[in-house]
Amino acid sequence: MKKTVLAMLAFASFAMNAQDLPAPSPFSTLEQRVGLTDFTVEYSRPGVKGREVFGDLVPDGKVWRTGANKATAIEFNTPVTFAGQLVPAGKYSLFTIPNQDTWTVILNKNTELWGADGYDEKQDVLRADVAALTTQESTETLTIDFQSIDGGKAELVIRWANKVLSLPIEVDVQAKAIANIKAALANSNEDDLWKVNRNAAIYYTRNNIDQKAALEYIEKSLKLKADNWYAHYVHGEILYALGENKKAVKAAEKAMEVGTEEANQASKEFAYGAMLEEAMEKWSSK
C-alpha cells in the first residue's frame, strides 16, 4: 500500500511538472534574410508589467542577457559586420550593457548561459558601443526585429519599455552572389544553363560589377536559347551600359519581335511592348 501511495505521488509530481503552462516571458524565434545571409534570433520576451525597467529591473552598467531566461542567441551563416566590426559566421549569445544614452553590445561564444551567470568577457567576439534612444512611447513586450533592410544592409532593432537600440549590420552580398553564380554554372544541366547565364548577366550589369563579363554571360545565354525575349532585352541593357547604343536598340527590337511572336502564338497581347518602346526611345536618344 505504501509503495502504491508513493508511486501515485511520484506520478502526480511528474504530471504537474509536465504541464504546458503559459510562460511569463514567452520564447520567440526570429528568422530573417539580409542579402544572402540567413539570421536566426532566439530570445524570451519579458513584459514591462508596470515595472521600472532600465535603471532598476535592468541596472545600468551591468551585463544583461537582453531578454529573459536563457541568454538571447543570434546565428548567421556568413561573416557579418556589426557596427563596423567583422564577426565570423556562427552562433553567439547577445548580451548588452545598458546605460542612459549608450549601450555596449556584446557577442559571446558561450550560447548555453542562463542570464549573465558564468559570463566570461574572454569569450567575447564583439564589443561595440551603440547609441540608445529614449522614447515617449513605451514598448510593453521586449521586441527584437530587423529593420531598414536594403541589399546587404539592415538594422537589428531592440525595443523595450522606453528604450530603442539600433545596431547597424552589413553583409557582403556580392562575394556570396558571385560564388553562387559560379556554382550554378558548374552544376547546371544543359536545359537550365541558358537561364543561369542570363541571370548572371542581369546581376553583373545591374550591380555595375563588370559590364564586359555581363556581355559574355548574355551572349552565351542567347547562343543556347535565342527565343527568350527577356534575354534580348538584357542584352540591350548591357550594350547601352557599354555605350553601344545602336546595338542596344537592335537588341530591344529583337526582344519586341520575339515577345510579340510568342504572345501571338498564345493569342495574347505582348504585355511588355510599352516597356521596350520606352527603352528604345531612351537608348536611341544618346
C-alpha atoms as a PDB file:
ATOM      1  CA  MET A   1       0.000   0.000   0.000  1.00  0.00           C
ATOM      2  CA  LYS A   2       2.824   2.346   0.974  1.00  0.00           C
ATOM      3  CA  LYS A   3       4.586   1.685  -2.360  1.00  0.00           C
ATOM      4  CA  THR A   4       1.348   2.391  -4.231  1.00  0.00           C
ATOM      5  CA  VAL A   5       0.873   5.753  -2.492  1.00  0.00           C
ATOM      6  CA  LEU A   6       4.495   6.737  -3.212  1.00  0.00           C
ATOM      7  CA  ALA A   7       4.086   5.765  -6.845  1.00  0.00           C
ATOM      8  CA  MET A   8       0.902   7.843  -7.109  1.00  0.00           C
ATOM      9  CA  LEU A   9       2.646  10.832  -5.531  1.00  0.00           C
ATOM     10  CA  ALA A  10       5.583  10.456  -7.907  1.00  0.00           C
ATOM     11  CA  PHE A  11       3.234  10.272 -10.894  1.00  0.00           C
ATOM     12  CA  ALA A  12       1.309  13.311  -9.697  1.00  0.00           C
ATOM     13  CA  SER A  13       4.576  15.241  -9.315  1.00  0.00           C
ATOM     14  CA  PHE A  14       5.662  14.228 -12.830  1.00  0.00           C
ATOM     15  CA  ALA A  15       2.294  15.194 -14.300  1.00  0.00           C
ATOM     16  CA  MET A  16       2.456  18.585 -12.597  1.00  0.00           C
ATOM     17  CA  ASN A  17       5.973  19.185 -13.907  1.00  0.00           C
ATOM     18  CA  ALA A  18       4.893  18.121 -17.405  1.00  0.00           C
ATOM     19  CA  GLN A  19       2.029  20.619 -17.572  1.00  0.00           C
ATOM     20  CA  ASP A  20       2.135  23.000 -20.529  1.00  0.00           C
ATOM     21  CA  LEU A  21       1.500  26.390 -18.921  1.00  0.00           C
ATOM     22  CA  PRO A  22       1.873  29.962 -20.238  1.00  0.00           C
ATOM     23  CA  ALA A  23       5.385  31.332 -19.826  1.00  0.00           C
ATOM     24  CA  PRO A  24       5.767  34.723 -18.126  1.00  0.00           C
ATOM     25  CA  SER A  25       8.351  35.589 -20.795  1.00  0.00           C
ATOM     26  CA  PRO A  26       7.376  33.649 -23.953  1.00  0.00           C
ATOM     27  CA  PHE A  27      10.114  32.207 -26.149  1.00  0.00           C
ATOM     28  CA  SER A  28      10.396  33.533 -29.697  1.00  0.00           C
ATOM     29  CA  THR A  29      12.404  32.662 -32.805  1.00  0.00           C
ATOM     30  CA  LEU A  30      13.034  35.318 -35.437  1.00  0.00           C
ATOM     31  CA  GLU A  31      14.336  34.409 -38.891  1.00  0.00           C
ATOM     32  CA  GLN A  32      15.414  36.990 -41.444  1.00  0.00           C
ATOM     33  CA  ARG A  33      17.460  37.037 -44.634  1.00  0.00           C
ATOM     34  CA  VAL A  34      19.616  40.083 -45.318  1.00  0.00           C
ATOM     35  CA  GLY A  35      21.209  39.966 -48.748  1.00  0.00           C
ATOM     36  CA  LEU A  36      22.170  36.295 -48.982  1.00  0.00           C
ATOM     37  CA  THR A  37      22.811  35.841 -45.249  1.00  0.00           C
ATOM     38  CA  ASP A  38      20.314  33.984 -43.043  1.00  0.00           C
ATOM     39  CA  PHE A  39      19.894  35.238 -39.486  1.00  0.00           C
ATOM     40  CA  THR A  40      18.132  33.488 -36.594  1.00  0.00           C
ATOM     41  CA  VAL A  41      17.474  35.165 -33.248  1.00  0.00           C
ATOM     42  CA  GLU A  42      16.212  33.132 -30.287  1.00  0.00           C
ATOM     43  CA  TYR A  43      15.053  35.008 -27.203  1.00  0.00           C
ATOM     44  CA  SER A  44      12.496  35.148 -24.412  1.00  0.00           C
ATOM     45  CA  ARG A  45      10.252  38.216 -24.295  1.00  0.00           C
ATOM     46  CA  PRO A  46       9.622  39.754 -20.870  1.00  0.00           C
ATOM     47  CA  GLY A  47       6.905  42.366 -20.364  1.00  0.00           C
ATOM     48  CA  VAL A  48       7.113  45.692 -18.547  1.00  0.00           C
ATOM     49  CA  LYS A  49       4.076  44.827 -16.387  1.00  0.00           C
ATOM     50  CA  GLY A  50       4.097  48.182 -14.646  1.00  0.00           C
ATOM     51  CA  ARG A  51       7.715  47.883 -13.521  1.00  0.00           C
ATOM     52  CA  GLU A  52      10.537  50.391 -13.784  1.00  0.00           C
ATOM     53  CA  VAL A  53      12.765  48.569 -16.278  1.00  0.00           C
ATOM     54  CA  PHE A  54      16.006  50.383 -17.114  1.00  0.00           C
ATOM     55  CA  GLY A  55      17.969  51.642 -14.170  1.00  0.00           C
ATOM     56  CA  ASP A  56      16.023  49.332 -11.826  1.00  0.00           C
ATOM     57  CA  LEU A  57      14.931  45.886 -13.070  1.00  0.00           C
ATOM     58  CA  VAL A  58      17.790  46.073 -15.592  1.00  0.00           C
ATOM     59  CA  PRO A  59      20.572  48.000 -13.810  1.00  0.00           C
ATOM     60  CA  ASP A  60      22.777  50.442 -15.687  1.00  0.00           C
ATOM     61  CA  GLY A  61      26.346  49.387 -16.284  1.00  0.00           C
ATOM     62  CA  LYS A  62      25.818  45.647 -15.816  1.00  0.00           C
ATOM     63  CA  VAL A  63      25.812  42.792 -18.366  1.00  0.00           C
ATOM     64  CA  TRP A  64      22.233  41.881 -19.320  1.00  0.00           C
ATOM     65  CA  ARG A  65      21.029  38.777 -21.161  1.00  0.00           C
ATOM     66  CA  THR A  66      18.943  41.064 -23.439  1.00  0.00           C
ATOM     67  CA  GLY A  67      15.782  39.167 -22.636  1.00  0.00           C
ATOM     68  CA  ALA A  68      14.702  36.614 -20.054  1.00  0.00           C
ATOM     69  CA  ASN A  69      15.515  33.003 -19.197  1.00  0.00           C
ATOM     70  CA  LYS A  70      18.333  31.676 -21.398  1.00  0.00           C
ATOM     71  CA  ALA A  71      20.571  34.372 -22.856  1.00  0.00           C
ATOM     72  CA  THR A  72      19.435  35.689 -26.228  1.00  0.00           C
ATOM     73  CA  ALA A  73      21.232  33.996 -29.143  1.00  0.00           C
ATOM     74  CA  ILE A  74      21.879  35.152 -32.698  1.00  0.00           C
ATOM     75  CA  GLU A  75      23.142  32.963 -35.548  1.00  0.00           C
ATOM     76  CA  PHE A  76      24.231  33.849 -39.098  1.00  0.00           C
ATOM     77  CA  ASN A  77      25.721  31.735 -41.879  1.00  0.00           C
ATOM     78  CA  THR A  78      28.217  34.198 -43.387  1.00  0.00           C
ATOM     79  CA  PRO A  79      30.612  36.728 -41.880  1.00  0.00           C
ATOM     80  CA  VAL A  80      28.725  39.848 -40.754  1.00  0.00           C
ATOM     81  CA  THR A  81      29.838  43.381 -39.941  1.00  0.00           C
ATOM     82  CA  PHE A  82      28.221  44.687 -36.747  1.00  0.00           C
ATOM     83  CA  ALA A  83      28.715  48.389 -36.028  1.00  0.00           C
ATOM     84  CA  GLY A  84      31.831  48.376 -38.211  1.00  0.00           C
ATOM     85  CA  GLN A  85      33.365  45.186 -36.767  1.00  0.00           C
ATOM     86  CA  LEU A  86      33.626  41.956 -38.760  1.00  0.00           C
ATOM     87  CA  VAL A  87      32.369  38.818 -36.976  1.00  0.00           C
ATOM     88  CA  PRO A  88      32.809  35.265 -38.366  1.00  0.00           C
ATOM     89  CA  ALA A  89      29.747  33.179 -39.217  1.00  0.00           C
ATOM     90  CA  GLY A  90      28.421  31.270 -36.214  1.00  0.00           C
ATOM     91  CA  LYS A  91      26.061  31.300 -33.248  1.00  0.00           C
ATOM     92  CA  TYR A  92      26.609  33.708 -30.365  1.00  0.00           C
ATOM     93  CA  SER A  93      24.948  34.934 -27.199  1.00  0.00           C
ATOM     94  CA  LEU A  94      23.748  38.524 -27.490  1.00  0.00           C
ATOM     95  CA  PHE A  95      24.444  40.495 -24.328  1.00  0.00           C
ATOM     96  CA  THR A  96      24.145  44.212 -23.713  1.00  0.00           C
ATOM     97  CA  ILE A  97      25.304  46.636 -21.044  1.00  0.00           C
ATOM     98  CA  PRO A  98      22.594  49.316 -20.865  1.00  0.00           C
ATOM     99  CA  ASN A  99      23.393  52.880 -19.862  1.00  0.00           C
ATOM    100  CA  GLN A 100      21.455  56.102 -20.142  1.00  0.00           C
ATOM    101  CA  ASP A 101      22.441  57.159 -23.664  1.00  0.00           C
ATOM    102  CA  THR A 102      24.812  54.429 -24.915  1.00  0.00           C
ATOM    103  CA  TRP A 103      24.652  50.646 -24.718  1.00  0.00           C
ATOM    104  CA  THR A 104      27.524  48.237 -25.159  1.00  0.00           C
ATOM    105  CA  VAL A 105      26.523  45.375 -27.450  1.00  0.00           C
ATOM    106  CA  ILE A 106      28.335  42.061 -26.916  1.00  0.00           C
ATOM    107  CA  LEU A 107      28.508  38.864 -28.948  1.00  0.00           C
ATOM    108  CA  ASN A 108      29.890  35.988 -26.889  1.00  0.00           C
ATOM    109  CA  LYS A 109      30.884  32.454 -27.917  1.00  0.00           C
ATOM    110  CA  ASN A 110      29.091  30.771 -24.973  1.00  0.00           C
ATOM    111  CA  THR A 111      25.495  30.132 -26.091  1.00  0.00           C
ATOM    112  CA  GLU A 112      24.440  27.999 -23.111  1.00  0.00           C
ATOM    113  CA  LEU A 113      24.242  30.670 -20.417  1.00  0.00           C
ATOM    114  CA  TRP A 114      21.125  31.439 -18.351  1.00  0.00           C
ATOM    115  CA  GLY A 115      21.224  35.115 -17.583  1.00  0.00           C
ATOM    116  CA  ALA A 116      24.699  36.526 -17.180  1.00  0.00           C
ATOM    117  CA  ASP A 117      25.800  33.888 -14.671  1.00  0.00           C
ATOM    118  CA  GLY A 118      29.045  32.382 -15.926  1.00  0.00           C
ATOM    119  CA  TYR A 119      29.564  35.141 -18.494  1.00  0.00           C
ATOM    120  CA  ASP A 120      33.241  35.419 -19.407  1.00  0.00           C
ATOM    121  CA  GLU A 121      34.457  38.515 -21.226  1.00  0.00           C
ATOM    122  CA  LYS A 122      37.322  36.457 -22.679  1.00  0.00           C
ATOM    123  CA  GLN A 123      34.725  34.648 -24.822  1.00  0.00           C
ATOM    124  CA  ASP A 124      33.579  37.894 -26.476  1.00  0.00           C
ATOM    125  CA  VAL A 125      33.979  38.197 -30.243  1.00  0.00           C
ATOM    126  CA  LEU A 126      32.431  41.683 -30.386  1.00  0.00           C
ATOM    127  CA  ARG A 127      32.000  44.711 -28.158  1.00  0.00           C
ATOM    128  CA  ALA A 128      30.506  47.822 -29.721  1.00  0.00           C
ATOM    129  CA  ASP A 129      29.035  50.992 -28.216  1.00  0.00           C
ATOM    130  CA  VAL A 130      25.734  51.974 -29.821  1.00  0.00           C
ATOM    131  CA  ALA A 131      23.545  55.000 -29.137  1.00  0.00           C
ATOM    132  CA  ALA A 132      20.298  54.217 -27.291  1.00  0.00           C
ATOM    133  CA  LEU A 133      17.214  56.376 -27.805  1.00  0.00           C
ATOM    134  CA  THR A 134      14.723  57.225 -25.067  1.00  0.00           C
ATOM    135  CA  THR A 135      11.171  57.385 -26.410  1.00  0.00           C
ATOM    136  CA  GLN A 136       7.903  58.734 -25.063  1.00  0.00           C
ATOM    137  CA  GLU A 137       6.075  55.656 -26.311  1.00  0.00           C
ATOM    138  CA  SER A 138       6.662  52.508 -24.282  1.00  0.00           C
ATOM    139  CA  THR A 139       7.028  49.007 -25.755  1.00  0.00           C
ATOM    140  CA  GLU A 140       5.300  46.588 -23.373  1.00  0.00           C
ATOM    141  CA  THR A 141       6.921  43.348 -24.599  1.00  0.00           C
ATOM    142  CA  LEU A 142      10.612  43.123 -25.459  1.00  0.00           C
ATOM    143  CA  THR A 143      10.879  43.088 -29.244  1.00  0.00           C
ATOM    144  CA  ILE A 144      13.897  42.300 -31.421  1.00  0.00           C
ATOM    145  CA  ASP A 145      13.495  42.825 -35.146  1.00  0.00           C
ATOM    146  CA  PHE A 146      15.354  43.574 -38.375  1.00  0.00           C
ATOM    147  CA  GLN A 147      14.504  46.931 -39.932  1.00  0.00           C
ATOM    148  CA  SER A 148      15.695  49.117 -42.843  1.00  0.00           C
ATOM    149  CA  ILE A 149      16.666  46.059 -44.897  1.00  0.00           C
ATOM    150  CA  ASP A 150      18.241  47.231 -48.137  1.00  0.00           C
ATOM    151  CA  GLY A 151      20.521  44.972 -50.174  1.00  0.00           C
ATOM    152  CA  GLY A 152      23.239  43.845 -47.799  1.00  0.00           C
ATOM    153  CA  LYS A 153      22.415  46.328 -45.042  1.00  0.00           C
ATOM    154  CA  ALA A 154      19.957  46.273 -42.151  1.00  0.00           C
ATOM    155  CA  GLU A 155      19.470  47.340 -38.553  1.00  0.00           C
ATOM    156  CA  LEU A 156      18.931  44.951 -35.663  1.00  0.00           C
ATOM    157  CA  VAL A 157      16.468  46.877 -33.504  1.00  0.00           C
ATOM    158  CA  ILE A 158      15.841  46.147 -29.807  1.00  0.00           C
ATOM    159  CA  ARG A 159      12.803  47.793 -28.211  1.00  0.00           C
ATOM    160  CA  TRP A 160      11.623  47.550 -24.640  1.00  0.00           C
ATOM    161  CA  ALA A 161       9.988  49.966 -22.242  1.00  0.00           C
ATOM    162  CA  ASN A 162      11.137  53.442 -23.307  1.00  0.00           C
ATOM    163  CA  LYS A 163      14.422  52.405 -24.947  1.00  0.00           C
ATOM    164  CA  VAL A 164      15.271  51.704 -28.604  1.00  0.00           C
ATOM    165  CA  LEU A 165      18.638  50.390 -29.754  1.00  0.00           C
ATOM    166  CA  SER A 166      19.523  50.116 -33.466  1.00  0.00           C
ATOM    167  CA  LEU A 167      22.594  48.059 -34.329  1.00  0.00           C
ATOM    168  CA  PRO A 168      23.818  48.526 -37.933  1.00  0.00           C
ATOM    169  CA  ILE A 169      24.515  45.299 -39.813  1.00  0.00           C
ATOM    170  CA  GLU A 170      26.207  44.771 -43.154  1.00  0.00           C
ATOM    171  CA  VAL A 171      26.880  41.606 -45.149  1.00  0.00           C
ATOM    172  CA  ASP A 172      28.958  41.014 -48.270  1.00  0.00           C
ATOM    173  CA  VAL A 173      26.251  40.174 -50.808  1.00  0.00           C
ATOM    174  CA  GLN A 174      28.447  40.409 -53.886  1.00  0.00           C
ATOM    175  CA  ALA A 175      31.045  37.799 -52.900  1.00  0.00           C
ATOM    176  CA  LYS A 176      28.303  35.329 -51.968  1.00  0.00           C
ATOM    177  CA  ALA A 177      26.310  36.047 -55.148  1.00  0.00           C
ATOM    178  CA  ILE A 178      29.332  35.565 -57.416  1.00  0.00           C
ATOM    179  CA  ALA A 179      30.191  32.308 -55.643  1.00  0.00           C
ATOM    180  CA  ASN A 180      26.582  31.165 -56.179  1.00  0.00           C
ATOM    181  CA  ILE A 181      26.794  32.054 -59.879  1.00  0.00           C
ATOM    182  CA  LYS A 182      29.998  30.048 -60.327  1.00  0.00           C
ATOM    183  CA  ALA A 183      28.492  27.071 -58.505  1.00  0.00           C
ATOM    184  CA  ALA A 184      25.325  27.224 -60.601  1.00  0.00           C
ATOM    185  CA  LEU A 185      27.306  27.406 -63.848  1.00  0.00           C
ATOM    186  CA  ALA A 186      29.367  24.382 -62.806  1.00  0.00           C
ATOM    187  CA  ASN A 187      26.407  22.261 -61.732  1.00  0.00           C
ATOM    188  CA  SER A 188      23.512  23.201 -64.050  1.00  0.00           C
ATOM    189  CA  ASN A 189      22.199  20.807 -66.658  1.00  0.00           C
ATOM    190  CA  GLU A 190      22.092  21.819 -70.328  1.00  0.00           C
ATOM    191  CA  ASP A 191      18.412  22.761 -70.197  1.00  0.00           C
ATOM    192  CA  ASP A 192      18.972  25.343 -67.454  1.00  0.00           C
ATOM    193  CA  LEU A 193      22.363  26.697 -68.490  1.00  0.00           C
ATOM    194  CA  TRP A 194      20.904  29.446 -70.682  1.00  0.00           C
ATOM    195  CA  LYS A 195      18.913  30.820 -67.740  1.00  0.00           C
ATOM    196  CA  VAL A 196      21.873  30.637 -65.357  1.00  0.00           C
ATOM    197  CA  ASN A 197      23.964  32.676 -67.806  1.00  0.00           C
ATOM    198  CA  ARG A 198      21.131  35.164 -68.296  1.00  0.00           C
ATOM    199  CA  ASN A 199      20.661  35.629 -64.548  1.00  0.00           C
ATOM    200  CA  ALA A 200      24.420  36.049 -64.107  1.00  0.00           C
ATOM    201  CA  ALA A 201      24.367  38.761 -66.772  1.00  0.00           C
ATOM    202  CA  ILE A 202      21.488  40.512 -65.011  1.00  0.00           C
ATOM    203  CA  TYR A 203      23.310  40.521 -61.681  1.00  0.00           C
ATOM    204  CA  TYR A 204      26.586  41.737 -63.152  1.00  0.00           C
ATOM    205  CA  THR A 205      25.093  44.571 -65.190  1.00  0.00           C
ATOM    206  CA  ARG A 206      22.509  45.866 -62.697  1.00  0.00           C
ATOM    207  CA  ASN A 207      25.039  45.925 -59.879  1.00  0.00           C
ATOM    208  CA  ASN A 208      27.631  47.512 -62.172  1.00  0.00           C
ATOM    209  CA  ILE A 209      30.213  44.834 -61.386  1.00  0.00           C
ATOM    210  CA  ASP A 210      31.704  44.083 -64.783  1.00  0.00           C
ATOM    211  CA  GLN A 211      29.764  45.008 -67.933  1.00  0.00           C
ATOM    212  CA  LYS A 212      32.097  43.079 -70.244  1.00  0.00           C
ATOM    213  CA  ALA A 213      31.635  39.919 -68.186  1.00  0.00           C
ATOM    214  CA  ALA A 214      27.872  40.582 -68.239  1.00  0.00           C
ATOM    215  CA  LEU A 215      28.042  40.781 -72.045  1.00  0.00           C
ATOM    216  CA  GLU A 216      29.824  37.430 -72.222  1.00  0.00           C
ATOM    217  CA  TYR A 217      27.193  35.830 -69.997  1.00  0.00           C
ATOM    218  CA  ILE A 218      24.240  37.139 -72.002  1.00  0.00           C
ATOM    219  CA  GLU A 219      25.804  36.182 -75.334  1.00  0.00           C
ATOM    220  CA  LYS A 220      26.305  32.629 -74.024  1.00  0.00           C
ATOM    221  CA  SER A 221      22.671  32.612 -72.927  1.00  0.00           C
ATOM    222  CA  LEU A 222      21.420  33.721 -76.351  1.00  0.00           C
ATOM    223  CA  LYS A 223      23.539  31.098 -78.119  1.00  0.00           C
ATOM    224  CA  LEU A 224      21.873  28.426 -76.000  1.00  0.00           C
ATOM    225  CA  LYS A 225      18.356  29.876 -76.322  1.00  0.00           C
ATOM    226  CA  ALA A 226      17.613  32.642 -78.806  1.00  0.00           C
ATOM    227  CA  ASP A 227      13.826  32.727 -78.348  1.00  0.00           C
ATOM    228  CA  ASN A 228      13.671  34.369 -74.912  1.00  0.00           C
ATOM    229  CA  TRP A 229      12.615  37.983 -75.317  1.00  0.00           C
ATOM    230  CA  TYR A 230      13.835  38.992 -71.883  1.00  0.00           C
ATOM    231  CA  ALA A 231      17.370  37.780 -72.634  1.00  0.00           C
ATOM    232  CA  HIS A 232      17.411  40.057 -75.687  1.00  0.00           C
ATOM    233  CA  TYR A 233      16.232  42.956 -73.531  1.00  0.00           C
ATOM    234  CA  VAL A 234      19.020  42.283 -71.007  1.00  0.00           C
ATOM    235  CA  HIS A 235      21.429  42.172 -73.965  1.00  0.00           C
ATOM    236  CA  GLY A 236      20.230  45.671 -74.846  1.00  0.00           C
ATOM    237  CA  GLU A 237      20.686  46.901 -71.268  1.00  0.00           C
ATOM    238  CA  ILE A 238      24.292  45.720 -71.236  1.00  0.00           C
ATOM    239  CA  LEU A 239      25.103  47.156 -74.665  1.00  0.00           C
ATOM    240  CA  TYR A 240      23.646  50.504 -73.556  1.00  0.00           C
ATOM    241  CA  ALA A 241      25.801  50.420 -70.406  1.00  0.00           C
ATOM    242  CA  LEU A 242      28.838  49.830 -72.641  1.00  0.00           C
ATOM    243  CA  GLY A 243      27.922  52.812 -74.845  1.00  0.00           C
ATOM    244  CA  GLU A 244      26.829  50.658 -77.797  1.00  0.00           C
ATOM    245  CA  ASN A 245      23.529  52.498 -78.259  1.00  0.00           C
ATOM    246  CA  LYS A 246      22.690  51.399 -81.806  1.00  0.00           C
ATOM    247  CA  LYS A 247      23.338  47.756 -80.949  1.00  0.00           C
ATOM    248  CA  ALA A 248      21.257  48.200 -77.789  1.00  0.00           C
ATOM    249  CA  VAL A 249      18.269  49.411 -79.829  1.00  0.00           C
ATOM    250  CA  LYS A 250      18.623  46.459 -82.215  1.00  0.00           C
ATOM    251  CA  ALA A 251      18.623  44.100 -79.215  1.00  0.00           C
ATOM    252  CA  ALA A 252      15.424  45.732 -77.946  1.00  0.00           C
ATOM    253  CA  GLU A 253      13.864  45.406 -81.402  1.00  0.00           C
ATOM    254  CA  LYS A 254      14.721  41.705 -81.351  1.00  0.00           C
ATOM    255  CA  ALA A 255      13.174  41.421 -77.896  1.00  0.00           C
ATOM    256  CA  MET A 256       9.998  43.032 -79.234  1.00  0.00           C
ATOM    257  CA  GLU A 257       9.931  40.657 -82.208  1.00  0.00           C
ATOM    258  CA  VAL A 258      10.418  37.518 -80.089  1.00  0.00           C
ATOM    259  CA  GLY A 259       7.999  38.646 -77.396  1.00  0.00           C
ATOM    260  CA  THR A 260       5.271  39.618 -79.856  1.00  0.00           C
ATOM    261  CA  GLU A 261       5.577  36.324 -81.730  1.00  0.00           C
ATOM    262  CA  GLU A 262       5.352  34.359 -78.501  1.00  0.00           C
ATOM    263  CA  ALA A 263       2.267  36.351 -77.430  1.00  0.00           C
ATOM    264  CA  ASN A 264       0.576  35.867 -80.823  1.00  0.00           C
ATOM    265  CA  GLN A 265       1.075  32.109 -80.615  1.00  0.00           C
ATOM    266  CA  ALA A 266      -0.722  32.184 -77.256  1.00  0.00           C
ATOM    267  CA  SER A 267      -3.441  34.508 -78.657  1.00  0.00           C
ATOM    268  CA  LYS A 268      -2.426  37.190 -76.176  1.00  0.00           C
ATOM    269  CA  GLU A 269      -1.163  40.745 -76.290  1.00  0.00           C
ATOM    270  CA  PHE A 270       2.528  41.210 -75.568  1.00  0.00           C
ATOM    271  CA  ALA A 271       2.418  42.930 -72.173  1.00  0.00           C
ATOM    272  CA  TYR A 272       5.924  44.391 -72.236  1.00  0.00           C
ATOM    273  CA  GLY A 273       5.771  46.244 -75.529  1.00  0.00           C
ATOM    274  CA  ALA A 274       5.463  49.664 -73.890  1.00  0.00           C
ATOM    275  CA  MET A 275       8.486  48.965 -71.691  1.00  0.00           C
ATOM    276  CA  LEU A 276      10.585  48.007 -74.719  1.00  0.00           C
ATOM    277  CA  GLU A 277       9.444  51.061 -76.665  1.00  0.00           C
ATOM    278  CA  GLU A 278      10.455  53.265 -73.755  1.00  0.00           C
ATOM    279  CA  ALA A 279      13.858  51.577 -73.621  1.00  0.00           C
ATOM    280  CA  MET A 280      14.403  52.024 -77.356  1.00  0.00           C
ATOM    281  CA  GLU A 281      13.489  55.704 -77.121  1.00  0.00           C
ATOM    282  CA  LYS A 282      15.940  56.187 -74.262  1.00  0.00           C
ATOM    283  CA  TRP A 283      18.741  54.209 -75.869  1.00  0.00           C
ATOM    284  CA  SER A 284      18.409  55.919 -79.254  1.00  0.00           C
ATOM    285  CA  SER A 285      18.405  59.431 -77.787  1.00  0.00           C
ATOM    286  CA  LYS A 286      22.066  59.385 -76.769  1.00  0.00           C
END
